[in-house]
């Protein structure tokens, strides 16, 4: 996506961004209309290092939270999940956790976005 186009998207509310993503993805058959991952094709090692850093950040956050958790389930069994999401609500990376929780992150973010949580103070 060109820089000017990214700036236009950033000016929109989360609900508008989310709707646009769904429309473009449905129309093109590709997430946000992205047909190629150019960095992956151009420099697969750099791309893989980036993906591994995202996953490592999630895993590190999860392990840290296990040590400071007040919840016995979180502390003893590790029943927690950390993720990095795009602003419009899709999971970019996730730590280990229950499969159902990982799969439902995008749906939960969609629900939060459409619940009206965004306010003028958050999006001038």
N, C-alpha and C. Protein backbone atom coordinates (compact mmCIF):
# COMPACT_ATOMS: atom_id res chain seq x y z
N UNK A 1 0.84 -1.17 0.00
CA UNK A 1 0.00 0.00 0.00
C UNK A 1 0.90 1.24 0.00
N UNK A 2 0.71 2.17 -0.96
CA UNK A 2 1.52 3.39 -1.00
C UNK A 2 1.34 4.22 0.27
N UNK A 3 2.35 5.04 0.59
CA UNK A 3 2.35 5.85 1.81
C UNK A 3 1.13 6.77 1.85
N UNK A 4 0.80 7.43 0.74
CA UNK A 4 -0.35 8.34 0.72
C UNK A 4 -1.64 7.59 1.04
N UNK A 5 -1.75 6.37 0.54
CA UNK A 5 -2.94 5.55 0.81
C UNK A 5 -2.99 5.13 2.28
N UNK A 6 -1.82 4.83 2.87
CA UNK A 6 -1.76 4.47 4.29
C UNK A 6 -2.21 5.64 5.15
N UNK A 7 -1.80 6.86 4.77
CA UNK A 7 -2.20 8.04 5.54
C UNK A 7 -3.70 8.25 5.49
N UNK A 8 -4.33 7.98 4.34
CA UNK A 8 -5.78 8.10 4.21
C UNK A 8 -6.47 7.10 5.13
N UNK A 9 -5.94 5.88 5.19
CA UNK A 9 -6.52 4.86 6.05
C UNK A 9 -6.38 5.28 7.51
N UNK A 10 -5.24 5.83 7.89
CA UNK A 10 -5.00 6.24 9.27
C UNK A 10 -5.94 7.35 9.71
N UNK A 11 -6.44 8.16 8.77
CA UNK A 11 -7.36 9.24 9.11
C UNK A 11 -8.77 8.74 9.40
N UNK A 12 -9.07 7.51 9.03
CA UNK A 12 -10.40 6.95 9.20
C UNK A 12 -10.54 6.36 10.60
N UNK A 13 -11.79 6.25 11.05
CA UNK A 13 -12.04 5.62 12.34
C UNK A 13 -11.77 4.12 12.23
N UNK A 14 -11.69 3.46 13.37
CA UNK A 14 -11.44 2.01 13.37
C UNK A 14 -12.56 1.26 12.66
N UNK A 15 -13.80 1.70 12.87
CA UNK A 15 -14.93 1.04 12.21
C UNK A 15 -14.82 1.19 10.71
N UNK A 16 -14.47 2.38 10.24
CA UNK A 16 -14.32 2.60 8.80
C UNK A 16 -13.16 1.76 8.24
N UNK A 17 -12.05 1.71 8.95
CA UNK A 17 -10.91 0.89 8.52
C UNK A 17 -11.29 -0.58 8.45
N UNK A 18 -12.02 -1.04 9.47
CA UNK A 18 -12.43 -2.44 9.53
C UNK A 18 -13.36 -2.78 8.37
N UNK A 19 -14.33 -1.92 8.09
CA UNK A 19 -15.25 -2.15 6.97
C UNK A 19 -14.51 -2.17 5.64
N UNK A 20 -13.61 -1.20 5.48
CA UNK A 20 -12.86 -1.12 4.23
C UNK A 20 -12.01 -2.38 4.02
N UNK A 21 -11.38 -2.85 5.10
CA UNK A 21 -10.56 -4.07 5.01
C UNK A 21 -11.42 -5.24 4.54
N UNK A 22 -12.60 -5.40 5.13
CA UNK A 22 -13.47 -6.51 4.74
C UNK A 22 -13.93 -6.38 3.29
N UNK A 23 -14.26 -5.16 2.86
CA UNK A 23 -14.71 -4.93 1.49
C UNK A 23 -13.58 -5.23 0.48
N UNK A 24 -12.40 -4.69 0.74
CA UNK A 24 -11.27 -4.90 -0.16
C UNK A 24 -10.88 -6.37 -0.19
N UNK A 25 -10.84 -7.01 0.96
CA UNK A 25 -10.47 -8.42 1.03
C UNK A 25 -11.47 -9.29 0.28
N UNK A 26 -12.75 -8.98 0.44
CA UNK A 26 -13.79 -9.76 -0.26
C UNK A 26 -13.70 -9.55 -1.77
N UNK A 27 -13.50 -8.29 -2.18
CA UNK A 27 -13.45 -7.96 -3.60
C UNK A 27 -12.25 -8.60 -4.30
N UNK A 28 -11.09 -8.58 -3.63
CA UNK A 28 -9.85 -9.06 -4.27
C UNK A 28 -9.54 -10.52 -3.96
N UNK A 29 -10.11 -11.02 -2.87
CA UNK A 29 -9.78 -12.38 -2.45
C UNK A 29 -8.47 -12.46 -1.68
N UNK A 30 -7.90 -11.31 -1.33
CA UNK A 30 -6.64 -11.25 -0.58
C UNK A 30 -6.79 -10.26 0.57
N UNK A 31 -6.11 -10.53 1.68
CA UNK A 31 -6.15 -9.63 2.84
C UNK A 31 -5.70 -8.24 2.43
N UNK A 32 -6.55 -7.25 2.62
CA UNK A 32 -6.30 -5.85 2.24
C UNK A 32 -5.89 -5.73 0.77
N UNK A 33 -6.20 -6.72 -0.05
CA UNK A 33 -5.85 -6.68 -1.46
C UNK A 33 -4.38 -6.95 -1.73
N UNK A 34 -3.65 -7.40 -0.73
CA UNK A 34 -2.21 -7.67 -0.88
C UNK A 34 -2.04 -9.05 -1.49
N UNK A 35 -1.55 -9.08 -2.71
CA UNK A 35 -1.39 -10.36 -3.41
C UNK A 35 -0.01 -10.97 -3.18
N UNK A 36 1.00 -10.14 -2.95
CA UNK A 36 2.36 -10.64 -2.75
C UNK A 36 2.95 -10.03 -1.49
N UNK A 37 3.72 -10.82 -0.79
CA UNK A 37 4.50 -10.30 0.33
C UNK A 37 5.89 -10.02 -0.23
N UNK A 38 6.09 -8.78 -0.66
CA UNK A 38 7.32 -8.45 -1.38
C UNK A 38 8.57 -8.66 -0.56
N UNK A 39 8.53 -8.34 0.74
CA UNK A 39 9.72 -8.56 1.57
C UNK A 39 10.04 -10.05 1.65
N UNK A 40 9.02 -10.89 1.76
CA UNK A 40 9.24 -12.33 1.83
C UNK A 40 9.89 -12.84 0.54
N UNK A 41 9.46 -12.30 -0.59
CA UNK A 41 10.05 -12.72 -1.86
C UNK A 41 11.45 -12.15 -2.06
N UNK A 42 11.62 -10.88 -1.65
CA UNK A 42 12.89 -10.18 -1.88
C UNK A 42 13.98 -10.64 -0.91
N UNK A 43 13.63 -10.77 0.37
CA UNK A 43 14.61 -11.14 1.39
C UNK A 43 13.94 -12.06 2.42
N UNK A 44 13.80 -13.34 2.11
CA UNK A 44 13.08 -14.25 2.99
C UNK A 44 13.67 -14.35 4.40
N UNK A 45 14.98 -14.20 4.51
CA UNK A 45 15.61 -14.27 5.83
C UNK A 45 15.20 -13.09 6.70
N UNK A 46 15.21 -11.90 6.14
CA UNK A 46 14.80 -10.70 6.87
C UNK A 46 13.33 -10.81 7.28
N UNK A 47 12.49 -11.29 6.37
CA UNK A 47 11.07 -11.48 6.67
C UNK A 47 10.89 -12.46 7.82
N UNK A 48 11.59 -13.57 7.77
CA UNK A 48 11.47 -14.58 8.82
C UNK A 48 11.96 -14.06 10.16
N UNK A 49 13.04 -13.29 10.16
CA UNK A 49 13.53 -12.69 11.42
C UNK A 49 12.48 -11.76 12.01
N UNK A 50 11.81 -10.99 11.15
CA UNK A 50 10.76 -10.07 11.62
C UNK A 50 9.61 -10.86 12.25
N UNK A 51 9.16 -11.89 11.59
CA UNK A 51 8.06 -12.72 12.11
C UNK A 51 8.47 -13.36 13.44
N UNK A 52 9.69 -13.86 13.51
CA UNK A 52 10.17 -14.48 14.75
C UNK A 52 10.25 -13.46 15.89
N UNK A 53 10.62 -12.23 15.59
CA UNK A 53 10.66 -11.17 16.63
C UNK A 53 9.26 -10.88 17.17
N UNK A 54 8.27 -10.82 16.29
CA UNK A 54 6.89 -10.61 16.74
C UNK A 54 6.45 -11.74 17.66
N UNK A 55 6.70 -12.97 17.24
CA UNK A 55 6.31 -14.12 18.06
C UNK A 55 7.09 -14.17 19.37
N UNK A 56 8.36 -13.81 19.33
CA UNK A 56 9.17 -13.80 20.56
C UNK A 56 8.66 -12.74 21.54
N UNK A 57 8.23 -11.59 21.03
CA UNK A 57 7.68 -10.54 21.91
C UNK A 57 6.43 -11.05 22.61
N UNK A 58 5.58 -11.75 21.89
CA UNK A 58 4.36 -12.31 22.50
C UNK A 58 4.71 -13.38 23.53
N UNK A 59 5.63 -14.26 23.19
CA UNK A 59 6.03 -15.33 24.11
C UNK A 59 6.66 -14.75 25.37
N UNK A 60 7.49 -13.73 25.22
CA UNK A 60 8.13 -13.09 26.37
C UNK A 60 7.10 -12.43 27.28
N UNK A 61 6.15 -11.73 26.69
CA UNK A 61 5.09 -11.09 27.47
C UNK A 61 4.29 -12.12 28.25
N UNK A 62 4.00 -13.24 27.61
CA UNK A 62 3.24 -14.31 28.26
C UNK A 62 4.01 -14.87 29.46
N UNK A 63 5.29 -15.15 29.27
CA UNK A 63 6.09 -15.72 30.36
C UNK A 63 6.24 -14.74 31.52
N UNK A 64 6.41 -13.45 31.19
CA UNK A 64 6.51 -12.44 32.24
C UNK A 64 5.20 -12.37 33.02
N UNK A 65 4.09 -12.36 32.31
CA UNK A 65 2.78 -12.28 32.96
C UNK A 65 2.53 -13.50 33.85
N UNK A 66 3.02 -14.66 33.46
CA UNK A 66 2.85 -15.86 34.29
C UNK A 66 3.50 -15.66 35.65
N UNK A 67 4.63 -14.95 35.69
CA UNK A 67 5.35 -14.77 36.95
C UNK A 67 4.72 -13.72 37.86
N UNK A 68 3.98 -12.80 37.29
CA UNK A 68 3.37 -11.75 38.10
C UNK A 68 1.86 -11.89 38.22
N UNK A 69 1.31 -12.95 37.68
CA UNK A 69 -0.13 -13.14 37.66
C UNK A 69 -0.68 -13.44 39.05
N UNK A 70 -1.81 -12.84 39.36
CA UNK A 70 -2.50 -13.13 40.61
C UNK A 70 -3.43 -14.32 40.43
N UNK A 71 -3.66 -14.72 39.20
CA UNK A 71 -4.56 -15.83 38.91
C UNK A 71 -3.82 -17.16 38.98
N UNK A 72 -4.33 -18.11 39.76
CA UNK A 72 -3.68 -19.43 39.81
C UNK A 72 -3.66 -20.13 38.45
N UNK A 73 -4.70 -19.95 37.64
CA UNK A 73 -4.71 -20.56 36.32
C UNK A 73 -3.62 -19.98 35.44
N UNK A 74 -3.45 -18.68 35.51
CA UNK A 74 -2.40 -18.04 34.72
C UNK A 74 -1.02 -18.42 35.19
N UNK A 75 -0.84 -18.44 36.50
CA UNK A 75 0.48 -18.69 37.08
C UNK A 75 0.89 -20.15 36.96
N UNK A 76 0.03 -21.06 37.35
CA UNK A 76 0.40 -22.47 37.44
C UNK A 76 0.22 -23.23 36.13
N UNK A 77 -0.84 -22.91 35.39
CA UNK A 77 -1.12 -23.67 34.19
C UNK A 77 -0.80 -22.90 32.91
N UNK A 78 -0.52 -21.61 33.04
CA UNK A 78 -0.18 -20.82 31.87
C UNK A 78 -1.36 -20.57 30.95
N UNK A 79 -2.56 -20.52 31.52
CA UNK A 79 -3.77 -20.32 30.71
C UNK A 79 -3.96 -18.84 30.41
N UNK A 80 -3.10 -18.31 29.54
CA UNK A 80 -3.21 -16.93 29.11
C UNK A 80 -2.61 -16.80 27.74
N UNK A 81 -2.96 -15.72 27.09
CA UNK A 81 -2.56 -15.53 25.70
C UNK A 81 -2.21 -14.06 25.48
N UNK A 82 -1.13 -13.82 24.78
CA UNK A 82 -0.76 -12.47 24.39
C UNK A 82 -0.67 -12.43 22.88
N UNK A 83 -1.09 -11.31 22.30
CA UNK A 83 -1.04 -11.18 20.86
C UNK A 83 -0.75 -9.76 20.43
N UNK A 84 -0.34 -9.62 19.19
CA UNK A 84 -0.15 -8.32 18.56
C UNK A 84 -1.15 -8.26 17.42
N UNK A 85 -1.98 -7.23 17.44
CA UNK A 85 -3.03 -7.10 16.43
C UNK A 85 -2.82 -5.85 15.60
N UNK A 86 -3.32 -5.87 14.39
CA UNK A 86 -3.32 -4.68 13.54
C UNK A 86 -4.36 -3.72 14.11
N UNK A 87 -4.29 -2.44 13.78
CA UNK A 87 -5.27 -1.48 14.31
C UNK A 87 -6.72 -1.84 13.97
N UNK A 88 -6.92 -2.53 12.85
CA UNK A 88 -8.28 -2.88 12.46
C UNK A 88 -8.71 -4.24 13.00
N UNK A 89 -7.92 -4.85 13.87
CA UNK A 89 -8.37 -5.99 14.63
C UNK A 89 -7.91 -7.37 14.22
N UNK A 90 -6.95 -7.51 13.35
CA UNK A 90 -6.50 -8.84 12.96
C UNK A 90 -5.21 -9.20 13.68
N UNK A 91 -5.11 -10.47 14.04
CA UNK A 91 -3.93 -10.95 14.76
C UNK A 91 -2.73 -11.00 13.82
N UNK A 92 -1.63 -10.39 14.25
CA UNK A 92 -0.38 -10.43 13.48
C UNK A 92 0.57 -11.47 14.08
N UNK A 93 0.47 -11.67 15.39
CA UNK A 93 1.31 -12.66 16.08
C UNK A 93 0.63 -13.01 17.39
N UNK A 94 0.92 -14.19 17.90
CA UNK A 94 0.33 -14.62 19.17
C UNK A 94 1.28 -15.55 19.89
N UNK A 95 1.18 -15.53 21.22
CA UNK A 95 1.97 -16.44 22.03
C UNK A 95 1.28 -17.81 22.03
N UNK A 96 1.87 -18.76 22.72
CA UNK A 96 1.20 -20.04 22.93
C UNK A 96 -0.05 -19.78 23.74
N UNK A 97 -1.02 -20.61 23.57
CA UNK A 97 -2.25 -20.49 24.33
C UNK A 97 -3.26 -21.47 23.81
N UNK A 98 -4.46 -21.41 24.31
CA UNK A 98 -5.50 -22.31 23.85
C UNK A 98 -5.87 -21.98 22.41
N UNK A 99 -5.96 -22.99 21.57
CA UNK A 99 -6.25 -22.79 20.14
C UNK A 99 -7.50 -21.96 19.92
N UNK A 100 -8.54 -22.21 20.68
CA UNK A 100 -9.78 -21.46 20.53
C UNK A 100 -9.59 -19.99 20.81
N UNK A 101 -8.73 -19.67 21.76
CA UNK A 101 -8.48 -18.26 22.08
C UNK A 101 -7.71 -17.58 20.96
N UNK A 102 -6.72 -18.26 20.41
CA UNK A 102 -5.92 -17.69 19.33
C UNK A 102 -6.82 -17.44 18.12
N UNK A 103 -7.65 -18.40 17.79
CA UNK A 103 -8.53 -18.26 16.64
C UNK A 103 -9.60 -17.21 16.80
N UNK A 104 -9.98 -16.93 18.04
CA UNK A 104 -11.07 -15.97 18.26
C UNK A 104 -10.58 -14.53 18.46
N UNK A 105 -9.26 -14.30 18.48
CA UNK A 105 -8.75 -12.94 18.72
C UNK A 105 -9.33 -11.93 17.72
N UNK A 106 -9.35 -12.27 16.45
CA UNK A 106 -9.86 -11.34 15.43
C UNK A 106 -11.34 -11.05 15.62
N UNK A 107 -12.10 -12.07 15.99
CA UNK A 107 -13.54 -11.88 16.22
C UNK A 107 -13.78 -10.98 17.43
N UNK A 108 -12.98 -11.17 18.45
CA UNK A 108 -13.11 -10.34 19.66
C UNK A 108 -12.76 -8.89 19.33
N UNK A 109 -11.68 -8.68 18.58
CA UNK A 109 -11.30 -7.32 18.20
C UNK A 109 -12.38 -6.67 17.33
N UNK A 110 -12.96 -7.44 16.41
CA UNK A 110 -14.08 -6.92 15.60
C UNK A 110 -15.22 -6.46 16.50
N UNK A 111 -15.57 -7.30 17.48
CA UNK A 111 -16.68 -6.96 18.40
C UNK A 111 -16.36 -5.70 19.19
N UNK A 112 -15.12 -5.57 19.65
CA UNK A 112 -14.73 -4.37 20.41
C UNK A 112 -14.81 -3.13 19.52
N UNK A 113 -14.31 -3.24 18.30
CA UNK A 113 -14.33 -2.10 17.37
C UNK A 113 -15.77 -1.66 17.10
N UNK A 114 -16.66 -2.63 16.89
CA UNK A 114 -18.05 -2.31 16.55
C UNK A 114 -18.92 -2.03 17.78
N UNK A 115 -18.36 -2.13 18.97
CA UNK A 115 -19.14 -1.86 20.19
C UNK A 115 -19.25 -0.37 20.48
N UNK A 116 -18.53 0.45 19.74
CA UNK A 116 -18.57 1.89 19.99
C UNK A 116 -17.54 2.34 21.00
N UNK A 117 -16.53 1.53 21.24
CA UNK A 117 -15.51 1.87 22.23
C UNK A 117 -14.66 3.07 21.80
N UNK A 118 -14.56 3.28 20.50
CA UNK A 118 -13.76 4.40 19.99
C UNK A 118 -14.48 5.72 20.29
N UNK A 119 -13.75 6.68 20.82
CA UNK A 119 -14.34 7.98 21.15
C UNK A 119 -13.56 9.08 20.45
N UNK A 120 -14.10 10.28 20.50
CA UNK A 120 -13.43 11.43 19.89
C UNK A 120 -12.05 11.66 20.51
N UNK A 121 -11.91 11.42 21.80
CA UNK A 121 -10.60 11.64 22.44
C UNK A 121 -9.56 10.65 21.95
N UNK A 122 -10.01 9.46 21.52
CA UNK A 122 -9.07 8.47 21.01
C UNK A 122 -8.77 8.70 19.54
N UNK A 123 -9.72 9.31 18.82
CA UNK A 123 -9.56 9.52 17.37
C UNK A 123 -10.02 10.94 17.03
N UNK A 124 -9.10 11.92 17.12
CA UNK A 124 -9.50 13.32 16.89
C UNK A 124 -9.95 13.55 15.45
